[in-house]
C-alpha atoms as a PDB file:
ATOM      1  CA  UNK A   1     106.407 107.898 132.813  1.00  0.00           C
ATOM      2  CA  UNK A   2     102.735 108.865 132.425  1.00  0.00           C
ATOM      3  CA  UNK A   3     102.358 109.159 136.182  1.00  0.00           C
ATOM      4  CA  UNK A   4     105.387 111.488 136.369  1.00  0.00           C
ATOM      5  CA  UNK A   5     103.964 113.718 133.615  1.00  0.00           C
ATOM      6  CA  UNK A   6     100.604 113.987 135.316  1.00  0.00           C
ATOM      7  CA  UNK A   7     101.965 114.579 138.813  1.00  0.00           C
ATOM      8  CA  UNK A   8     104.766 117.003 137.965  1.00  0.00           C
ATOM      9  CA  UNK A   9     103.948 118.424 134.560  1.00  0.00           C
ATOM     10  CA  UNK A  10     100.471 119.751 135.194  1.00  0.00           C
ATOM     11  CA  UNK A  11      99.303 118.056 131.991  1.00  0.00           C
ATOM     12  CA  UNK A  12      95.870 116.833 130.968  1.00  0.00           C
ATOM     13  CA  UNK A  13      96.040 113.343 129.487  1.00  0.00           C
ATOM     14  CA  UNK A  14      93.505 112.007 126.987  1.00  0.00           C
ATOM     15  CA  UNK A  15      94.088 108.303 126.410  1.00  0.00           C
ATOM     16  CA  UNK A  16      92.329 106.319 123.663  1.00  0.00           C
ATOM     17  CA  UNK A  17      92.644 102.649 124.598  1.00  0.00           C
ATOM     18  CA  UNK A  18      90.716  99.374 124.560  1.00  0.00           C
ATOM     19  CA  UNK A  19      92.441  97.913 127.627  1.00  0.00           C
ATOM     20  CA  UNK A  20      92.713 100.228 130.608  1.00  0.00           C
ATOM     21  CA  UNK A  21      93.699  97.819 133.394  1.00  0.00           C
ATOM     22  CA  UNK A  22      97.317  98.911 133.633  1.00  0.00           C
ATOM     23  CA  UNK A  23      96.583 102.652 133.512  1.00  0.00           C
ATOM     24  CA  UNK A  24      93.433 102.594 135.634  1.00  0.00           C
ATOM     25  CA  UNK A  25      95.164 104.261 138.647  1.00  0.00           C
ATOM     26  CA  UNK A  26      95.923 107.286 136.435  1.00  0.00           C
ATOM     27  CA  UNK A  27      92.382 107.752 135.142  1.00  0.00           C
ATOM     28  CA  UNK A  28      89.870 110.171 136.672  1.00  0.00           C
ATOM     29  CA  UNK A  29      87.142 109.937 134.030  1.00  0.00           C
ATOM     30  CA  UNK A  30      85.966 107.310 131.555  1.00  0.00           C
ATOM     31  CA  UNK A  31      83.985 108.006 128.375  1.00  0.00           C
ATOM     32  CA  UNK A  32      82.633 104.974 126.506  1.00  0.00           C
ATOM     33  CA  UNK A  33      81.640 105.668 122.893  1.00  0.00           C
ATOM     34  CA  UNK A  34      78.680 104.086 121.132  1.00  0.00           C
ATOM     35  CA  UNK A  35      79.225 102.357 117.774  1.00  0.00           C
ATOM     36  CA  UNK A  36      78.377 104.864 115.065  1.00  0.00           C
ATOM     37  CA  UNK A  37      78.430 107.866 117.397  1.00  0.00           C
ATOM     38  CA  UNK A  38      77.177 108.948 120.782  1.00  0.00           C
ATOM     39  CA  UNK A  39      78.250 108.251 124.359  1.00  0.00           C
ATOM     40  CA  UNK A  40      77.336 105.045 126.181  1.00  0.00           C
ATOM     41  CA  UNK A  41      78.762 106.022 129.566  1.00  0.00           C
ATOM     42  CA  UNK A  42      80.602 108.958 131.138  1.00  0.00           C
ATOM     43  CA  UNK A  43      81.881 109.268 134.695  1.00  0.00           C
ATOM     44  CA  UNK A  44      84.509 108.214 137.173  1.00  0.00           C
ATOM     45  CA  UNK A  45      85.969 104.737 136.506  1.00  0.00           C
ATOM     46  CA  UNK A  46      84.457 103.061 139.574  1.00  0.00           C
ATOM     47  CA  UNK A  47      80.947 104.254 138.749  1.00  0.00           C
ATOM     48  CA  UNK A  48      81.151 103.497 135.031  1.00  0.00           C
ATOM     49  CA  UNK A  49      82.430  99.957 135.405  1.00  0.00           C
ATOM     50  CA  UNK A  50      80.176  99.185 138.395  1.00  0.00           C
ATOM     51  CA  UNK A  51      76.966 100.473 136.813  1.00  0.00           C
ATOM     52  CA  UNK A  52      77.601  99.533 133.178  1.00  0.00           C
ATOM     53  CA  UNK A  53      80.085  96.671 133.491  1.00  0.00           C
ATOM     54  CA  UNK A  54      77.741  93.880 132.394  1.00  0.00           C
ATOM     55  CA  UNK A  55      76.427  95.779 129.370  1.00  0.00           C
ATOM     56  CA  UNK A  56      79.912  96.879 128.374  1.00  0.00           C
ATOM     57  CA  UNK A  57      81.192  93.336 128.683  1.00  0.00           C
ATOM     58  CA  UNK A  58      78.380  92.045 126.456  1.00  0.00           C
ATOM     59  CA  UNK A  59      79.169  94.793 123.917  1.00  0.00           C
ATOM     60  CA  UNK A  60      82.788  93.641 123.662  1.00  0.00           C
ATOM     61  CA  UNK A  61      84.424  96.326 125.811  1.00  0.00           C
ATOM     62  CA  UNK A  62      87.408  95.376 127.958  1.00  0.00           C
ATOM     63  CA  UNK A  63      86.171  95.723 131.538  1.00  0.00           C
ATOM     64  CA  UNK A  64      88.976  95.893 134.147  1.00  0.00           C
ATOM     65  CA  UNK A  65      89.358  92.613 135.958  1.00  0.00           C
ATOM     66  CA  UNK A  66      87.696  90.609 133.199  1.00  0.00           C
ATOM     67  CA  UNK A  67      89.680  87.558 132.144  1.00  0.00           C
ATOM     68  CA  UNK A  68      89.092  85.341 129.119  1.00  0.00           C
ATOM     69  CA  UNK A  69      89.637  81.627 129.542  1.00  0.00           C
ATOM     70  CA  UNK A  70      91.998  80.014 127.055  1.00  0.00           C
ATOM     71  CA  UNK A  71      90.448  77.744 124.430  1.00  0.00           C
ATOM     72  CA  UNK A  72      90.199  74.078 125.420  1.00  0.00           C
ATOM     73  CA  UNK A  73      93.139  71.916 124.444  1.00  0.00           C
ATOM     74  CA  UNK A  74      91.961  69.557 121.724  1.00  0.00           C
ATOM     75  CA  UNK A  75      93.477  66.455 120.183  1.00  0.00           C
ATOM     76  CA  UNK A  76      95.873  67.518 117.436  1.00  0.00           C
ATOM     77  CA  UNK A  77      97.815  65.827 114.638  1.00  0.00           C
ATOM     78  CA  UNK A  78     101.461  65.069 115.467  1.00  0.00           C
ATOM     79  CA  UNK A  79     103.751  68.097 115.299  1.00  0.00           C
ATOM     80  CA  UNK A  80     106.286  68.297 112.460  1.00  0.00           C
ATOM     81  CA  UNK A  81     108.894  70.961 111.727  1.00  0.00           C
ATOM     82  CA  UNK A  82     107.773  73.206 108.861  1.00  0.00           C
ATOM     83  CA  UNK A  83     110.357  76.009 109.077  1.00  0.00           C
ATOM     84  CA  UNK A  84     113.741  75.870 110.802  1.00  0.00           C
ATOM     85  CA  UNK A  85     116.078  78.761 111.661  1.00  0.00           C
ATOM     86  CA  UNK A  86     119.627  77.921 112.763  1.00  0.00           C
ATOM     87  CA  UNK A  87     122.065  80.666 113.757  1.00  0.00           C
ATOM     88  CA  UNK A  88     119.975  83.148 111.776  1.00  0.00           C
ATOM     89  CA  UNK A  89     121.099  86.766 111.709  1.00  0.00           C
ATOM     90  CA  UNK A  90     120.260  89.902 109.794  1.00  0.00           C
ATOM     91  CA  UNK A  91     121.507  93.499 109.664  1.00  0.00           C
ATOM     92  CA  UNK A  92     119.591  96.258 107.903  1.00  0.00           C
ATOM     93  CA  UNK A  93     121.606  98.397 105.460  1.00  0.00           C
ATOM     94  CA  UNK A  94     123.427 101.216 107.212  1.00  0.00           C
ATOM     95  CA  UNK A  95     122.981  99.753 110.687  1.00  0.00           C
ATOM     96  CA  UNK A  96     126.010  99.530 112.989  1.00  0.00           C
ATOM     97  CA  UNK A  97     124.612  96.454 114.753  1.00  0.00           C
ATOM     98  CA  UNK A  98     122.609  93.450 113.612  1.00  0.00           C
ATOM     99  CA  UNK A  99     118.866  93.523 114.155  1.00  0.00           C
ATOM    100  CA  UNK A 100     119.041  89.816 114.936  1.00  0.00           C
ATOM    101  CA  UNK A 101     121.917  87.473 115.673  1.00  0.00           C
ATOM    102  CA  UNK A 102     122.277  83.719 116.232  1.00  0.00           C
ATOM    103  CA  UNK A 103     118.526  83.047 116.344  1.00  0.00           C
ATOM    104  CA  UNK A 104     117.324  79.478 116.710  1.00  0.00           C
ATOM    105  CA  UNK A 105     113.659  78.691 116.043  1.00  0.00           C
ATOM    106  CA  UNK A 106     111.397  75.898 114.903  1.00  0.00           C
ATOM    107  CA  UNK A 107     107.929  76.520 113.503  1.00  0.00           C
ATOM    108  CA  UNK A 108     105.959  73.292 113.891  1.00  0.00           C
ATOM    109  CA  UNK A 109     102.596  72.112 112.693  1.00  0.00           C
ATOM    110  CA  UNK A 110      99.885  71.709 115.354  1.00  0.00           C
ATOM    111  CA  UNK A 111     101.684  74.228 117.600  1.00  0.00           C
ATOM    112  CA  UNK A 112     101.578  77.919 118.404  1.00  0.00           C
ATOM    113  CA  UNK A 113     104.975  79.545 118.941  1.00  0.00           C
ATOM    114  CA  UNK A 114     105.080  82.969 120.600  1.00  0.00           C
ATOM    115  CA  UNK A 115     108.067  85.256 119.963  1.00  0.00           C
ATOM    116  CA  UNK A 116     108.430  87.769 122.785  1.00  0.00           C
ATOM    117  CA  UNK A 117     110.996  90.220 124.164  1.00  0.00           C
ATOM    118  CA  UNK A 118     111.589  93.944 124.616  1.00  0.00           C
ATOM    119  CA  UNK A 119     111.510  96.407 121.729  1.00  0.00           C
ATOM    120  CA  UNK A 120     114.624  96.239 119.572  1.00  0.00           C
ATOM    121  CA  UNK A 121     115.353  92.555 120.094  1.00  0.00           C
ATOM    122  CA  UNK A 122     114.641  91.513 116.501  1.00  0.00           C
ATOM    123  CA  UNK A 123     111.184  89.977 116.856  1.00  0.00           C
ATOM    124  CA  UNK A 124     109.822  91.483 113.643  1.00  0.00           C
ATOM    125  CA  UNK A 125     113.035  90.652 111.780  1.00  0.00           C
ATOM    126  CA  UNK A 126     112.818  87.020 112.875  1.00  0.00           C
ATOM    127  CA  UNK A 127     109.164  86.886 111.755  1.00  0.00           C
ATOM    128  CA  UNK A 128     110.168  88.181 108.307  1.00  0.00           C
ATOM    129  CA  UNK A 129     112.966  85.609 108.080  1.00  0.00           C
ATOM    130  CA  UNK A 130     110.650  82.757 109.102  1.00  0.00           C
ATOM    131  CA  UNK A 131     108.149  83.946 106.505  1.00  0.00           C
ATOM    132  CA  UNK A 132     110.748  83.812 103.723  1.00  0.00           C
ATOM    133  CA  UNK A 133     110.573  87.580 103.193  1.00  0.00           C
ATOM    134  CA  UNK A 134     114.193  88.358 104.134  1.00  0.00           C
ATOM    135  CA  UNK A 135     117.438  86.605 103.221  1.00  0.00           C
ATOM    136  CA  UNK A 136     119.507  85.919 106.337  1.00  0.00           C
ATOM    137  CA  UNK A 137     122.991  87.454 106.473  1.00  0.00           C
ATOM    138  CA  UNK A 138     124.136  84.610 108.706  1.00  0.00           C
ATOM    139  CA  UNK A 139     122.914  81.110 109.412  1.00  0.00           C
ATOM    140  CA  UNK A 140     120.021  79.508 107.562  1.00  0.00           C
ATOM    141  CA  UNK A 141     116.226  79.565 107.429  1.00  0.00           C
ATOM    142  CA  UNK A 142     114.996  76.478 105.608  1.00  0.00           C
ATOM    143  CA  UNK A 143     111.863  74.471 104.958  1.00  0.00           C
ATOM    144  CA  UNK A 144     111.215  71.245 106.773  1.00  0.00           C
ATOM    145  CA  UNK A 145     110.409  68.105 104.829  1.00  0.00           C
ATOM    146  CA  UNK A 146     106.814  68.309 106.084  1.00  0.00           C
ATOM    147  CA  UNK A 147     106.368  71.698 104.382  1.00  0.00           C
ATOM    148  CA  UNK A 148     108.254  70.868 101.179  1.00  0.00           C
ATOM    149  CA  UNK A 149     108.315  67.080 100.606  1.00  0.00           C
ATOM    150  CA  UNK A 150     111.435  66.139  98.706  1.00  0.00           C
ATOM    151  CA  UNK A 151     112.836  69.639  99.174  1.00  0.00           C
ATOM    152  CA  UNK A 152     113.513  69.768 102.891  1.00  0.00           C
ATOM    153  CA  UNK A 153     116.352  72.147 103.827  1.00  0.00           C
ATOM    154  CA  UNK A 154     115.601  74.422 100.858  1.00  0.00           C
ATOM    155  CA  UNK A 155     116.199  78.085 101.830  1.00  0.00           C
ATOM    156  CA  UNK A 156     112.685  79.530 101.789  1.00  0.00           C
ATOM    157  CA  UNK A 157     113.847  83.012 100.746  1.00  0.00           C
ATOM    158  CA  UNK A 158     114.647  81.506  97.342  1.00  0.00           C
ATOM    159  CA  UNK A 159     111.078  80.360  96.730  1.00  0.00           C
ATOM    160  CA  UNK A 160     108.923  81.990  94.068  1.00  0.00           C
ATOM    161  CA  UNK A 161     106.103  84.233  95.333  1.00  0.00           C
ATOM    162  CA  UNK A 162     103.520  81.668  94.179  1.00  0.00           C
ATOM    163  CA  UNK A 163     105.178  78.853  96.105  1.00  0.00           C
ATOM    164  CA  UNK A 164     105.746  80.966  99.194  1.00  0.00           C
ATOM    165  CA  UNK A 165     102.219  82.372  99.461  1.00  0.00           C
ATOM    166  CA  UNK A 166     100.734  78.878  99.158  1.00  0.00           C
ATOM    167  CA  UNK A 167     102.864  77.538 102.016  1.00  0.00           C
ATOM    168  CA  UNK A 168     103.401  80.433 104.457  1.00  0.00           C
ATOM    169  CA  UNK A 169     101.093  83.340 105.241  1.00  0.00           C
ATOM    170  CA  UNK A 170     102.628  86.469 106.781  1.00  0.00           C
ATOM    171  CA  UNK A 171     100.897  89.265 108.679  1.00  0.00           C
ATOM    172  CA  UNK A 172     103.047  92.398 108.877  1.00  0.00           C
ATOM    173  CA  UNK A 173     103.459  94.636 111.903  1.00  0.00           C
ATOM    174  CA  UNK A 174     102.034  97.523 109.859  1.00  0.00           C
ATOM    175  CA  UNK A 175      98.948  96.229 107.989  1.00  0.00           C
ATOM    176  CA  UNK A 176      99.119  98.974 105.340  1.00  0.00           C
ATOM    177  CA  UNK A 177     102.424  97.543 104.106  1.00  0.00           C
ATOM    178  CA  UNK A 178     100.666  94.523 102.620  1.00  0.00           C
ATOM    179  CA  UNK A 179      97.575  96.127 101.050  1.00  0.00           C
ATOM    180  CA  UNK A 180      97.479  96.262  97.239  1.00  0.00           C
ATOM    181  CA  UNK A 181      93.862  96.611  96.117  1.00  0.00           C
ATOM    182  CA  UNK A 182      91.221  99.330  96.174  1.00  0.00           C
ATOM    183  CA  UNK A 183      88.577  97.369  98.132  1.00  0.00           C
ATOM    184  CA  UNK A 184      88.705  94.812 100.926  1.00  0.00           C
ATOM    185  CA  UNK A 185      86.938  92.256  98.717  1.00  0.00           C
ATOM    186  CA  UNK A 186      89.522  92.708  95.965  1.00  0.00           C
ATOM    187  CA  UNK A 187      92.328  92.573  98.539  1.00  0.00           C
ATOM    188  CA  UNK A 188      91.219  89.154  99.730  1.00  0.00           C
ATOM    189  CA  UNK A 189      90.919  87.850  96.154  1.00  0.00           C
ATOM    190  CA  UNK A 190      94.558  88.504  95.228  1.00  0.00           C
ATOM    191  CA  UNK A 191      96.134  85.557  97.039  1.00  0.00           C
ATOM    192  CA  UNK A 192      93.624  82.919  95.891  1.00  0.00           C
ATOM    193  CA  UNK A 193      94.041  84.050  92.284  1.00  0.00           C
ATOM    194  CA  UNK A 194      97.839  83.909  92.699  1.00  0.00           C
ATOM    195  CA  UNK A 195      97.655  80.225  93.616  1.00  0.00           C
ATOM    196  CA  UNK A 196      95.435  79.393  90.626  1.00  0.00           C
ATOM    197  CA  UNK A 197      91.848  79.654  91.866  1.00  0.00           C
ATOM    198  CA  UNK A 198      89.230  80.896  89.421  1.00  0.00           C
ATOM    199  CA  UNK A 199      87.662  84.326  89.840  1.00  0.00           C
ATOM    200  CA  UNK A 200      84.495  82.751  91.242  1.00  0.00           C
ATOM    201  CA  UNK A 201      86.444  80.583  93.702  1.00  0.00           C
ATOM    202  CA  UNK A 202      88.594  83.539  94.786  1.00  0.00           C
ATOM    203  CA  UNK A 203      85.531  85.718  95.352  1.00  0.00           C
ATOM    204  CA  UNK A 204      83.787  82.979  97.343  1.00  0.00           C
ATOM    205  CA  UNK A 205      86.804  82.571  99.622  1.00  0.00           C
ATOM    206  CA  UNK A 206      87.111  86.353 100.040  1.00  0.00           C
ATOM    207  CA  UNK A 207      83.444  86.717 101.017  1.00  0.00           C
ATOM    208  CA  UNK A 208      83.766  83.887 103.547  1.00  0.00           C
ATOM    209  CA  UNK A 209      86.794  85.522 105.181  1.00  0.00           C
ATOM    210  CA  UNK A 210      85.121  88.941 105.294  1.00  0.00           C
ATOM    211  CA  UNK A 211      82.222  87.409 107.210  1.00  0.00           C
ATOM    212  CA  UNK A 212      84.534  85.479 109.508  1.00  0.00           C
ATOM    213  CA  UNK A 213      86.485  88.638 110.393  1.00  0.00           C
ATOM    214  CA  UNK A 214      83.368  90.827 110.833  1.00  0.00           C
ATOM    215  CA  UNK A 215      84.346  92.902 107.808  1.00  0.00           C
ATOM    216  CA  UNK A 216      81.544  91.948 105.416  1.00  0.00           C
ATOM    217  CA  UNK A 217      79.923  95.383 105.757  1.00  0.00           C
ATOM    218  CA  UNK A 218      83.199  96.861 104.469  1.00  0.00           C
ATOM    219  CA  UNK A 219      83.509  94.717 101.330  1.00  0.00           C
ATOM    220  CA  UNK A 220      83.667  97.744  99.020  1.00  0.00           C
ATOM    221  CA  UNK A 221      85.655  99.990 101.378  1.00  0.00           C
ATOM    222  CA  UNK A 222      89.233 101.002 100.604  1.00  0.00           C
ATOM    223  CA  UNK A 223      91.521  99.060 102.974  1.00  0.00           C
ATOM    224  CA  UNK A 224      93.411 102.242 103.863  1.00  0.00           C
ATOM    225  CA  UNK A 225      90.223 103.864 105.220  1.00  0.00           C
ATOM    226  CA  UNK A 226      89.586 101.134 107.798  1.00  0.00           C
ATOM    227  CA  UNK A 227      90.228 101.602 111.507  1.00  0.00           C
ATOM    228  CA  UNK A 228      93.419 100.206 113.018  1.00  0.00           C
ATOM    229  CA  UNK A 229      91.662  97.127 114.381  1.00  0.00           C
ATOM    230  CA  UNK A 230      89.835  96.521 111.104  1.00  0.00           C
ATOM    231  CA  UNK A 231      93.087  96.791 109.150  1.00  0.00           C
ATOM    232  CA  UNK A 232      94.643  94.198 111.436  1.00  0.00           C
ATOM    233  CA  UNK A 233      91.786  91.754 110.893  1.00  0.00           C
ATOM    234  CA  UNK A 234      91.960  92.319 107.134  1.00  0.00           C
ATOM    235  CA  UNK A 235      95.701  91.653 107.125  1.00  0.00           C
ATOM    236  CA  UNK A 236      95.127  88.367 108.973  1.00  0.00           C
ATOM    237  CA  UNK A 237      92.416  87.444 106.478  1.00  0.00           C
ATOM    238  CA  UNK A 238      94.766  88.081 103.528  1.00  0.00           C
ATOM    239  CA  UNK A 239      97.282  85.660 105.044  1.00  0.00           C
ATOM    240  CA  UNK A 240      94.565  83.016 105.475  1.00  0.00           C
ATOM    241  CA  UNK A 241      93.190  83.447 101.962  1.00  0.00           C
ATOM    242  CA  UNK A 242      95.624  80.945 100.400  1.00  0.00           C
ATOM    243  CA  UNK A 243      95.129  78.345 103.193  1.00  0.00           C
ATOM    244  CA  UNK A 244      98.858  78.144 104.025  1.00  0.00           C
ATOM    245  CA  UNK A 245     100.354  75.444 106.241  1.00  0.00           C
ATOM    246  CA  UNK A 246     102.153  78.009 108.420  1.00  0.00           C
ATOM    247  CA  UNK A 247     100.981  81.412 109.577  1.00  0.00           C
ATOM    248  CA  UNK A 248     103.463  84.054 110.794  1.00  0.00           C
ATOM    249  CA  UNK A 249     101.838  87.036 112.547  1.00  0.00           C
ATOM    250  CA  UNK A 250     103.322  90.231 113.966  1.00  0.00           C
ATOM    251  CA  UNK A 251     101.180  91.634 116.823  1.00  0.00           C
ATOM    252  CA  UNK A 252      97.888  89.962 115.778  1.00  0.00           C
ATOM    253  CA  UNK A 253      95.839  91.502 118.639  1.00  0.00           C
ATOM    254  CA  UNK A 254      96.782  95.132 117.973  1.00  0.00           C
ATOM    255  CA  UNK A 255      93.733  97.423 118.048  1.00  0.00           C
ATOM    256  CA  UNK A 256      91.196  94.738 118.983  1.00  0.00           C
ATOM    257  CA  UNK A 257      88.335  95.083 121.439  1.00  0.00           C
ATOM    258  CA  UNK A 258      87.537  92.214 123.788  1.00  0.00           C
ATOM    259  CA  UNK A 259      85.146  90.513 121.374  1.00  0.00           C
ATOM    260  CA  UNK A 260      87.438  90.572 118.334  1.00  0.00           C
ATOM    261  CA  UNK A 261      90.438  89.685 120.568  1.00  0.00           C
ATOM    262  CA  UNK A 262      88.590  86.587 121.722  1.00  0.00           C
ATOM    263  CA  UNK A 263      87.559  85.743 118.162  1.00  0.00           C
ATOM    264  CA  UNK A 264      91.180  86.085 117.012  1.00  0.00           C
ATOM    265  CA  UNK A 265      92.240  83.738 119.796  1.00  0.00           C
ATOM    266  CA  UNK A 266      89.633  81.149 118.833  1.00  0.00           C
ATOM    267  CA  UNK A 267      90.507  81.454 115.138  1.00  0.00           C
ATOM    268  CA  UNK A 268      94.242  80.884 115.631  1.00  0.00           C
ATOM    269  CA  UNK A 269      93.677  78.124 118.195  1.00  0.00           C
ATOM    270  CA  UNK A 270      91.383  76.385 115.719  1.00  0.00           C
ATOM    271  CA  UNK A 271      93.992  76.589 112.972  1.00  0.00           C
ATOM    272  CA  UNK A 272      96.631  75.180 115.311  1.00  0.00           C
ATOM    273  CA  UNK A 273      94.370  72.359 116.485  1.00  0.00           C
ATOM    274  CA  UNK A 274      93.685  71.234 112.911  1.00  0.00           C
ATOM    275  CA  UNK A 275      97.404  70.950 112.147  1.00  0.00           C
ATOM    276  CA  UNK A 276      98.494  74.400 110.989  1.00  0.00           C
ATOM    277  CA  UNK A 277     101.583  76.090 112.419  1.00  0.00           C
ATOM    278  CA  UNK A 278     100.965  79.426 114.142  1.00  0.00           C
ATOM    279  CA  UNK A 279     103.932  81.648 114.966  1.00  0.00           C
ATOM    280  CA  UNK A 280     103.220  85.085 116.399  1.00  0.00           C
ATOM    281  CA  UNK A 281     105.141  88.083 117.719  1.00  0.00           C
ATOM    282  CA  UNK A 282     103.414  89.686 120.679  1.00  0.00           C
ATOM    283  CA  UNK A 283     103.699  91.966 123.693  1.00  0.00           C
ATOM    284  CA  UNK A 284     100.222  90.821 124.765  1.00  0.00           C
ATOM    285  CA  UNK A 285     100.922  88.586 127.762  1.00  0.00           C
ATOM    286  CA  UNK A 286      97.294  87.458 128.071  1.00  0.00           C
ATOM    287  CA  UNK A 287      97.253  86.328 124.443  1.00  0.00           C
ATOM    288  CA  UNK A 288     100.592  84.543 124.777  1.00  0.00           C
ATOM    289  CA  UNK A 289      99.406  82.713 127.897  1.00  0.00           C
ATOM    290  CA  UNK A 290      96.145  81.702 126.250  1.00  0.00           C
ATOM    291  CA  UNK A 291      97.519  80.483 122.904  1.00  0.00           C
ATOM    292  CA  UNK A 292     101.223  79.624 122.969  1.00  0.00           C
ATOM    293  CA  UNK A 293     102.505  76.078 123.315  1.00  0.00           C
ATOM    294  CA  UNK A 294     106.081  77.333 123.281  1.00  0.00           C
ATOM    295  CA  UNK A 295     107.600  80.762 123.851  1.00  0.00           C
ATOM    296  CA  UNK A 296     110.847  82.080 122.360  1.00  0.00           C
ATOM    297  CA  UNK A 297     112.016  85.184 124.218  1.00  0.00           C
ATOM    298  CA  UNK A 298     114.594  87.259 122.385  1.00  0.00           C
ATOM    299  CA  UNK A 299     117.303  89.437 123.929  1.00  0.00           C
ATOM    300  CA  UNK A 300     119.028  92.408 122.271  1.00  0.00           C
ATOM    301  CA  UNK A 301     121.883  91.364 119.955  1.00  0.00           C
ATOM    302  CA  UNK A 302     125.292  92.568 121.064  1.00  0.00           C
ATOM    303  CA  UNK A 303     127.396  94.965 119.000  1.00  0.00           C
ATOM    304  CA  UNK A 304     129.671  93.036 116.698  1.00  0.00           C
ATOM    305  CA  UNK A 305     127.704  89.793 117.028  1.00  0.00           C
END
């Protein structure tokens, strides 16, 4: 579509993007911005990436043709089912068709499950169901015995907020939808306090996560003033703050440069390798290939399903 606009519409296109591989044939000029202001490089794509490619790569810029190797596969604890969806369906109020129908999914410890598919196939809805944040209209979404000993097959949407946040961490598609506090430090202290940690313990965990996500310089910033990529990293940190057994993420690599993309990959792979369950919705094929042990590809639900 972009090619048609440029060739037949006489338009000038300004594209702000971290990853330019797929649109490189459409680009005549590349401007690379310096952190904090200024221009690091400006010119035609071939010249910019040939002359500055090494420096840009070291700075965390996606350089066309650069590929990141997946993390090494480490010994992991045995996989156990933590959340199970059987025939799960959901329709939003006022919709003529279900957003999701007859979904089958298992979220297992020591595994990363990728949920993929075109727009409109119910990926986000399934993530919300698996996180216990929606009640299915059809089928069931229940806890496995490994997640809730003695209470396996309990519908997780019935759990109290305290029980849910301690067991399953959810990262929304829109980070702003889960922010509640006036600073990033306060935001990361909410979950730990909710599960019973003292103020000092909650603050210590929040500070550790800010450093891990490269957000420590923004400890007193309002979450809503952060950049898109920073908001995404903060939303992931909030889900990790209660040390849940399962992590459900919707588009975890949105807005990330190459460095923070790679750090996100290593973080989630490390959680998986130590026995956590990682379930993520993504259109990012490179990330899926690097992290996923299993892939569930959704298709559009049919009318009347």
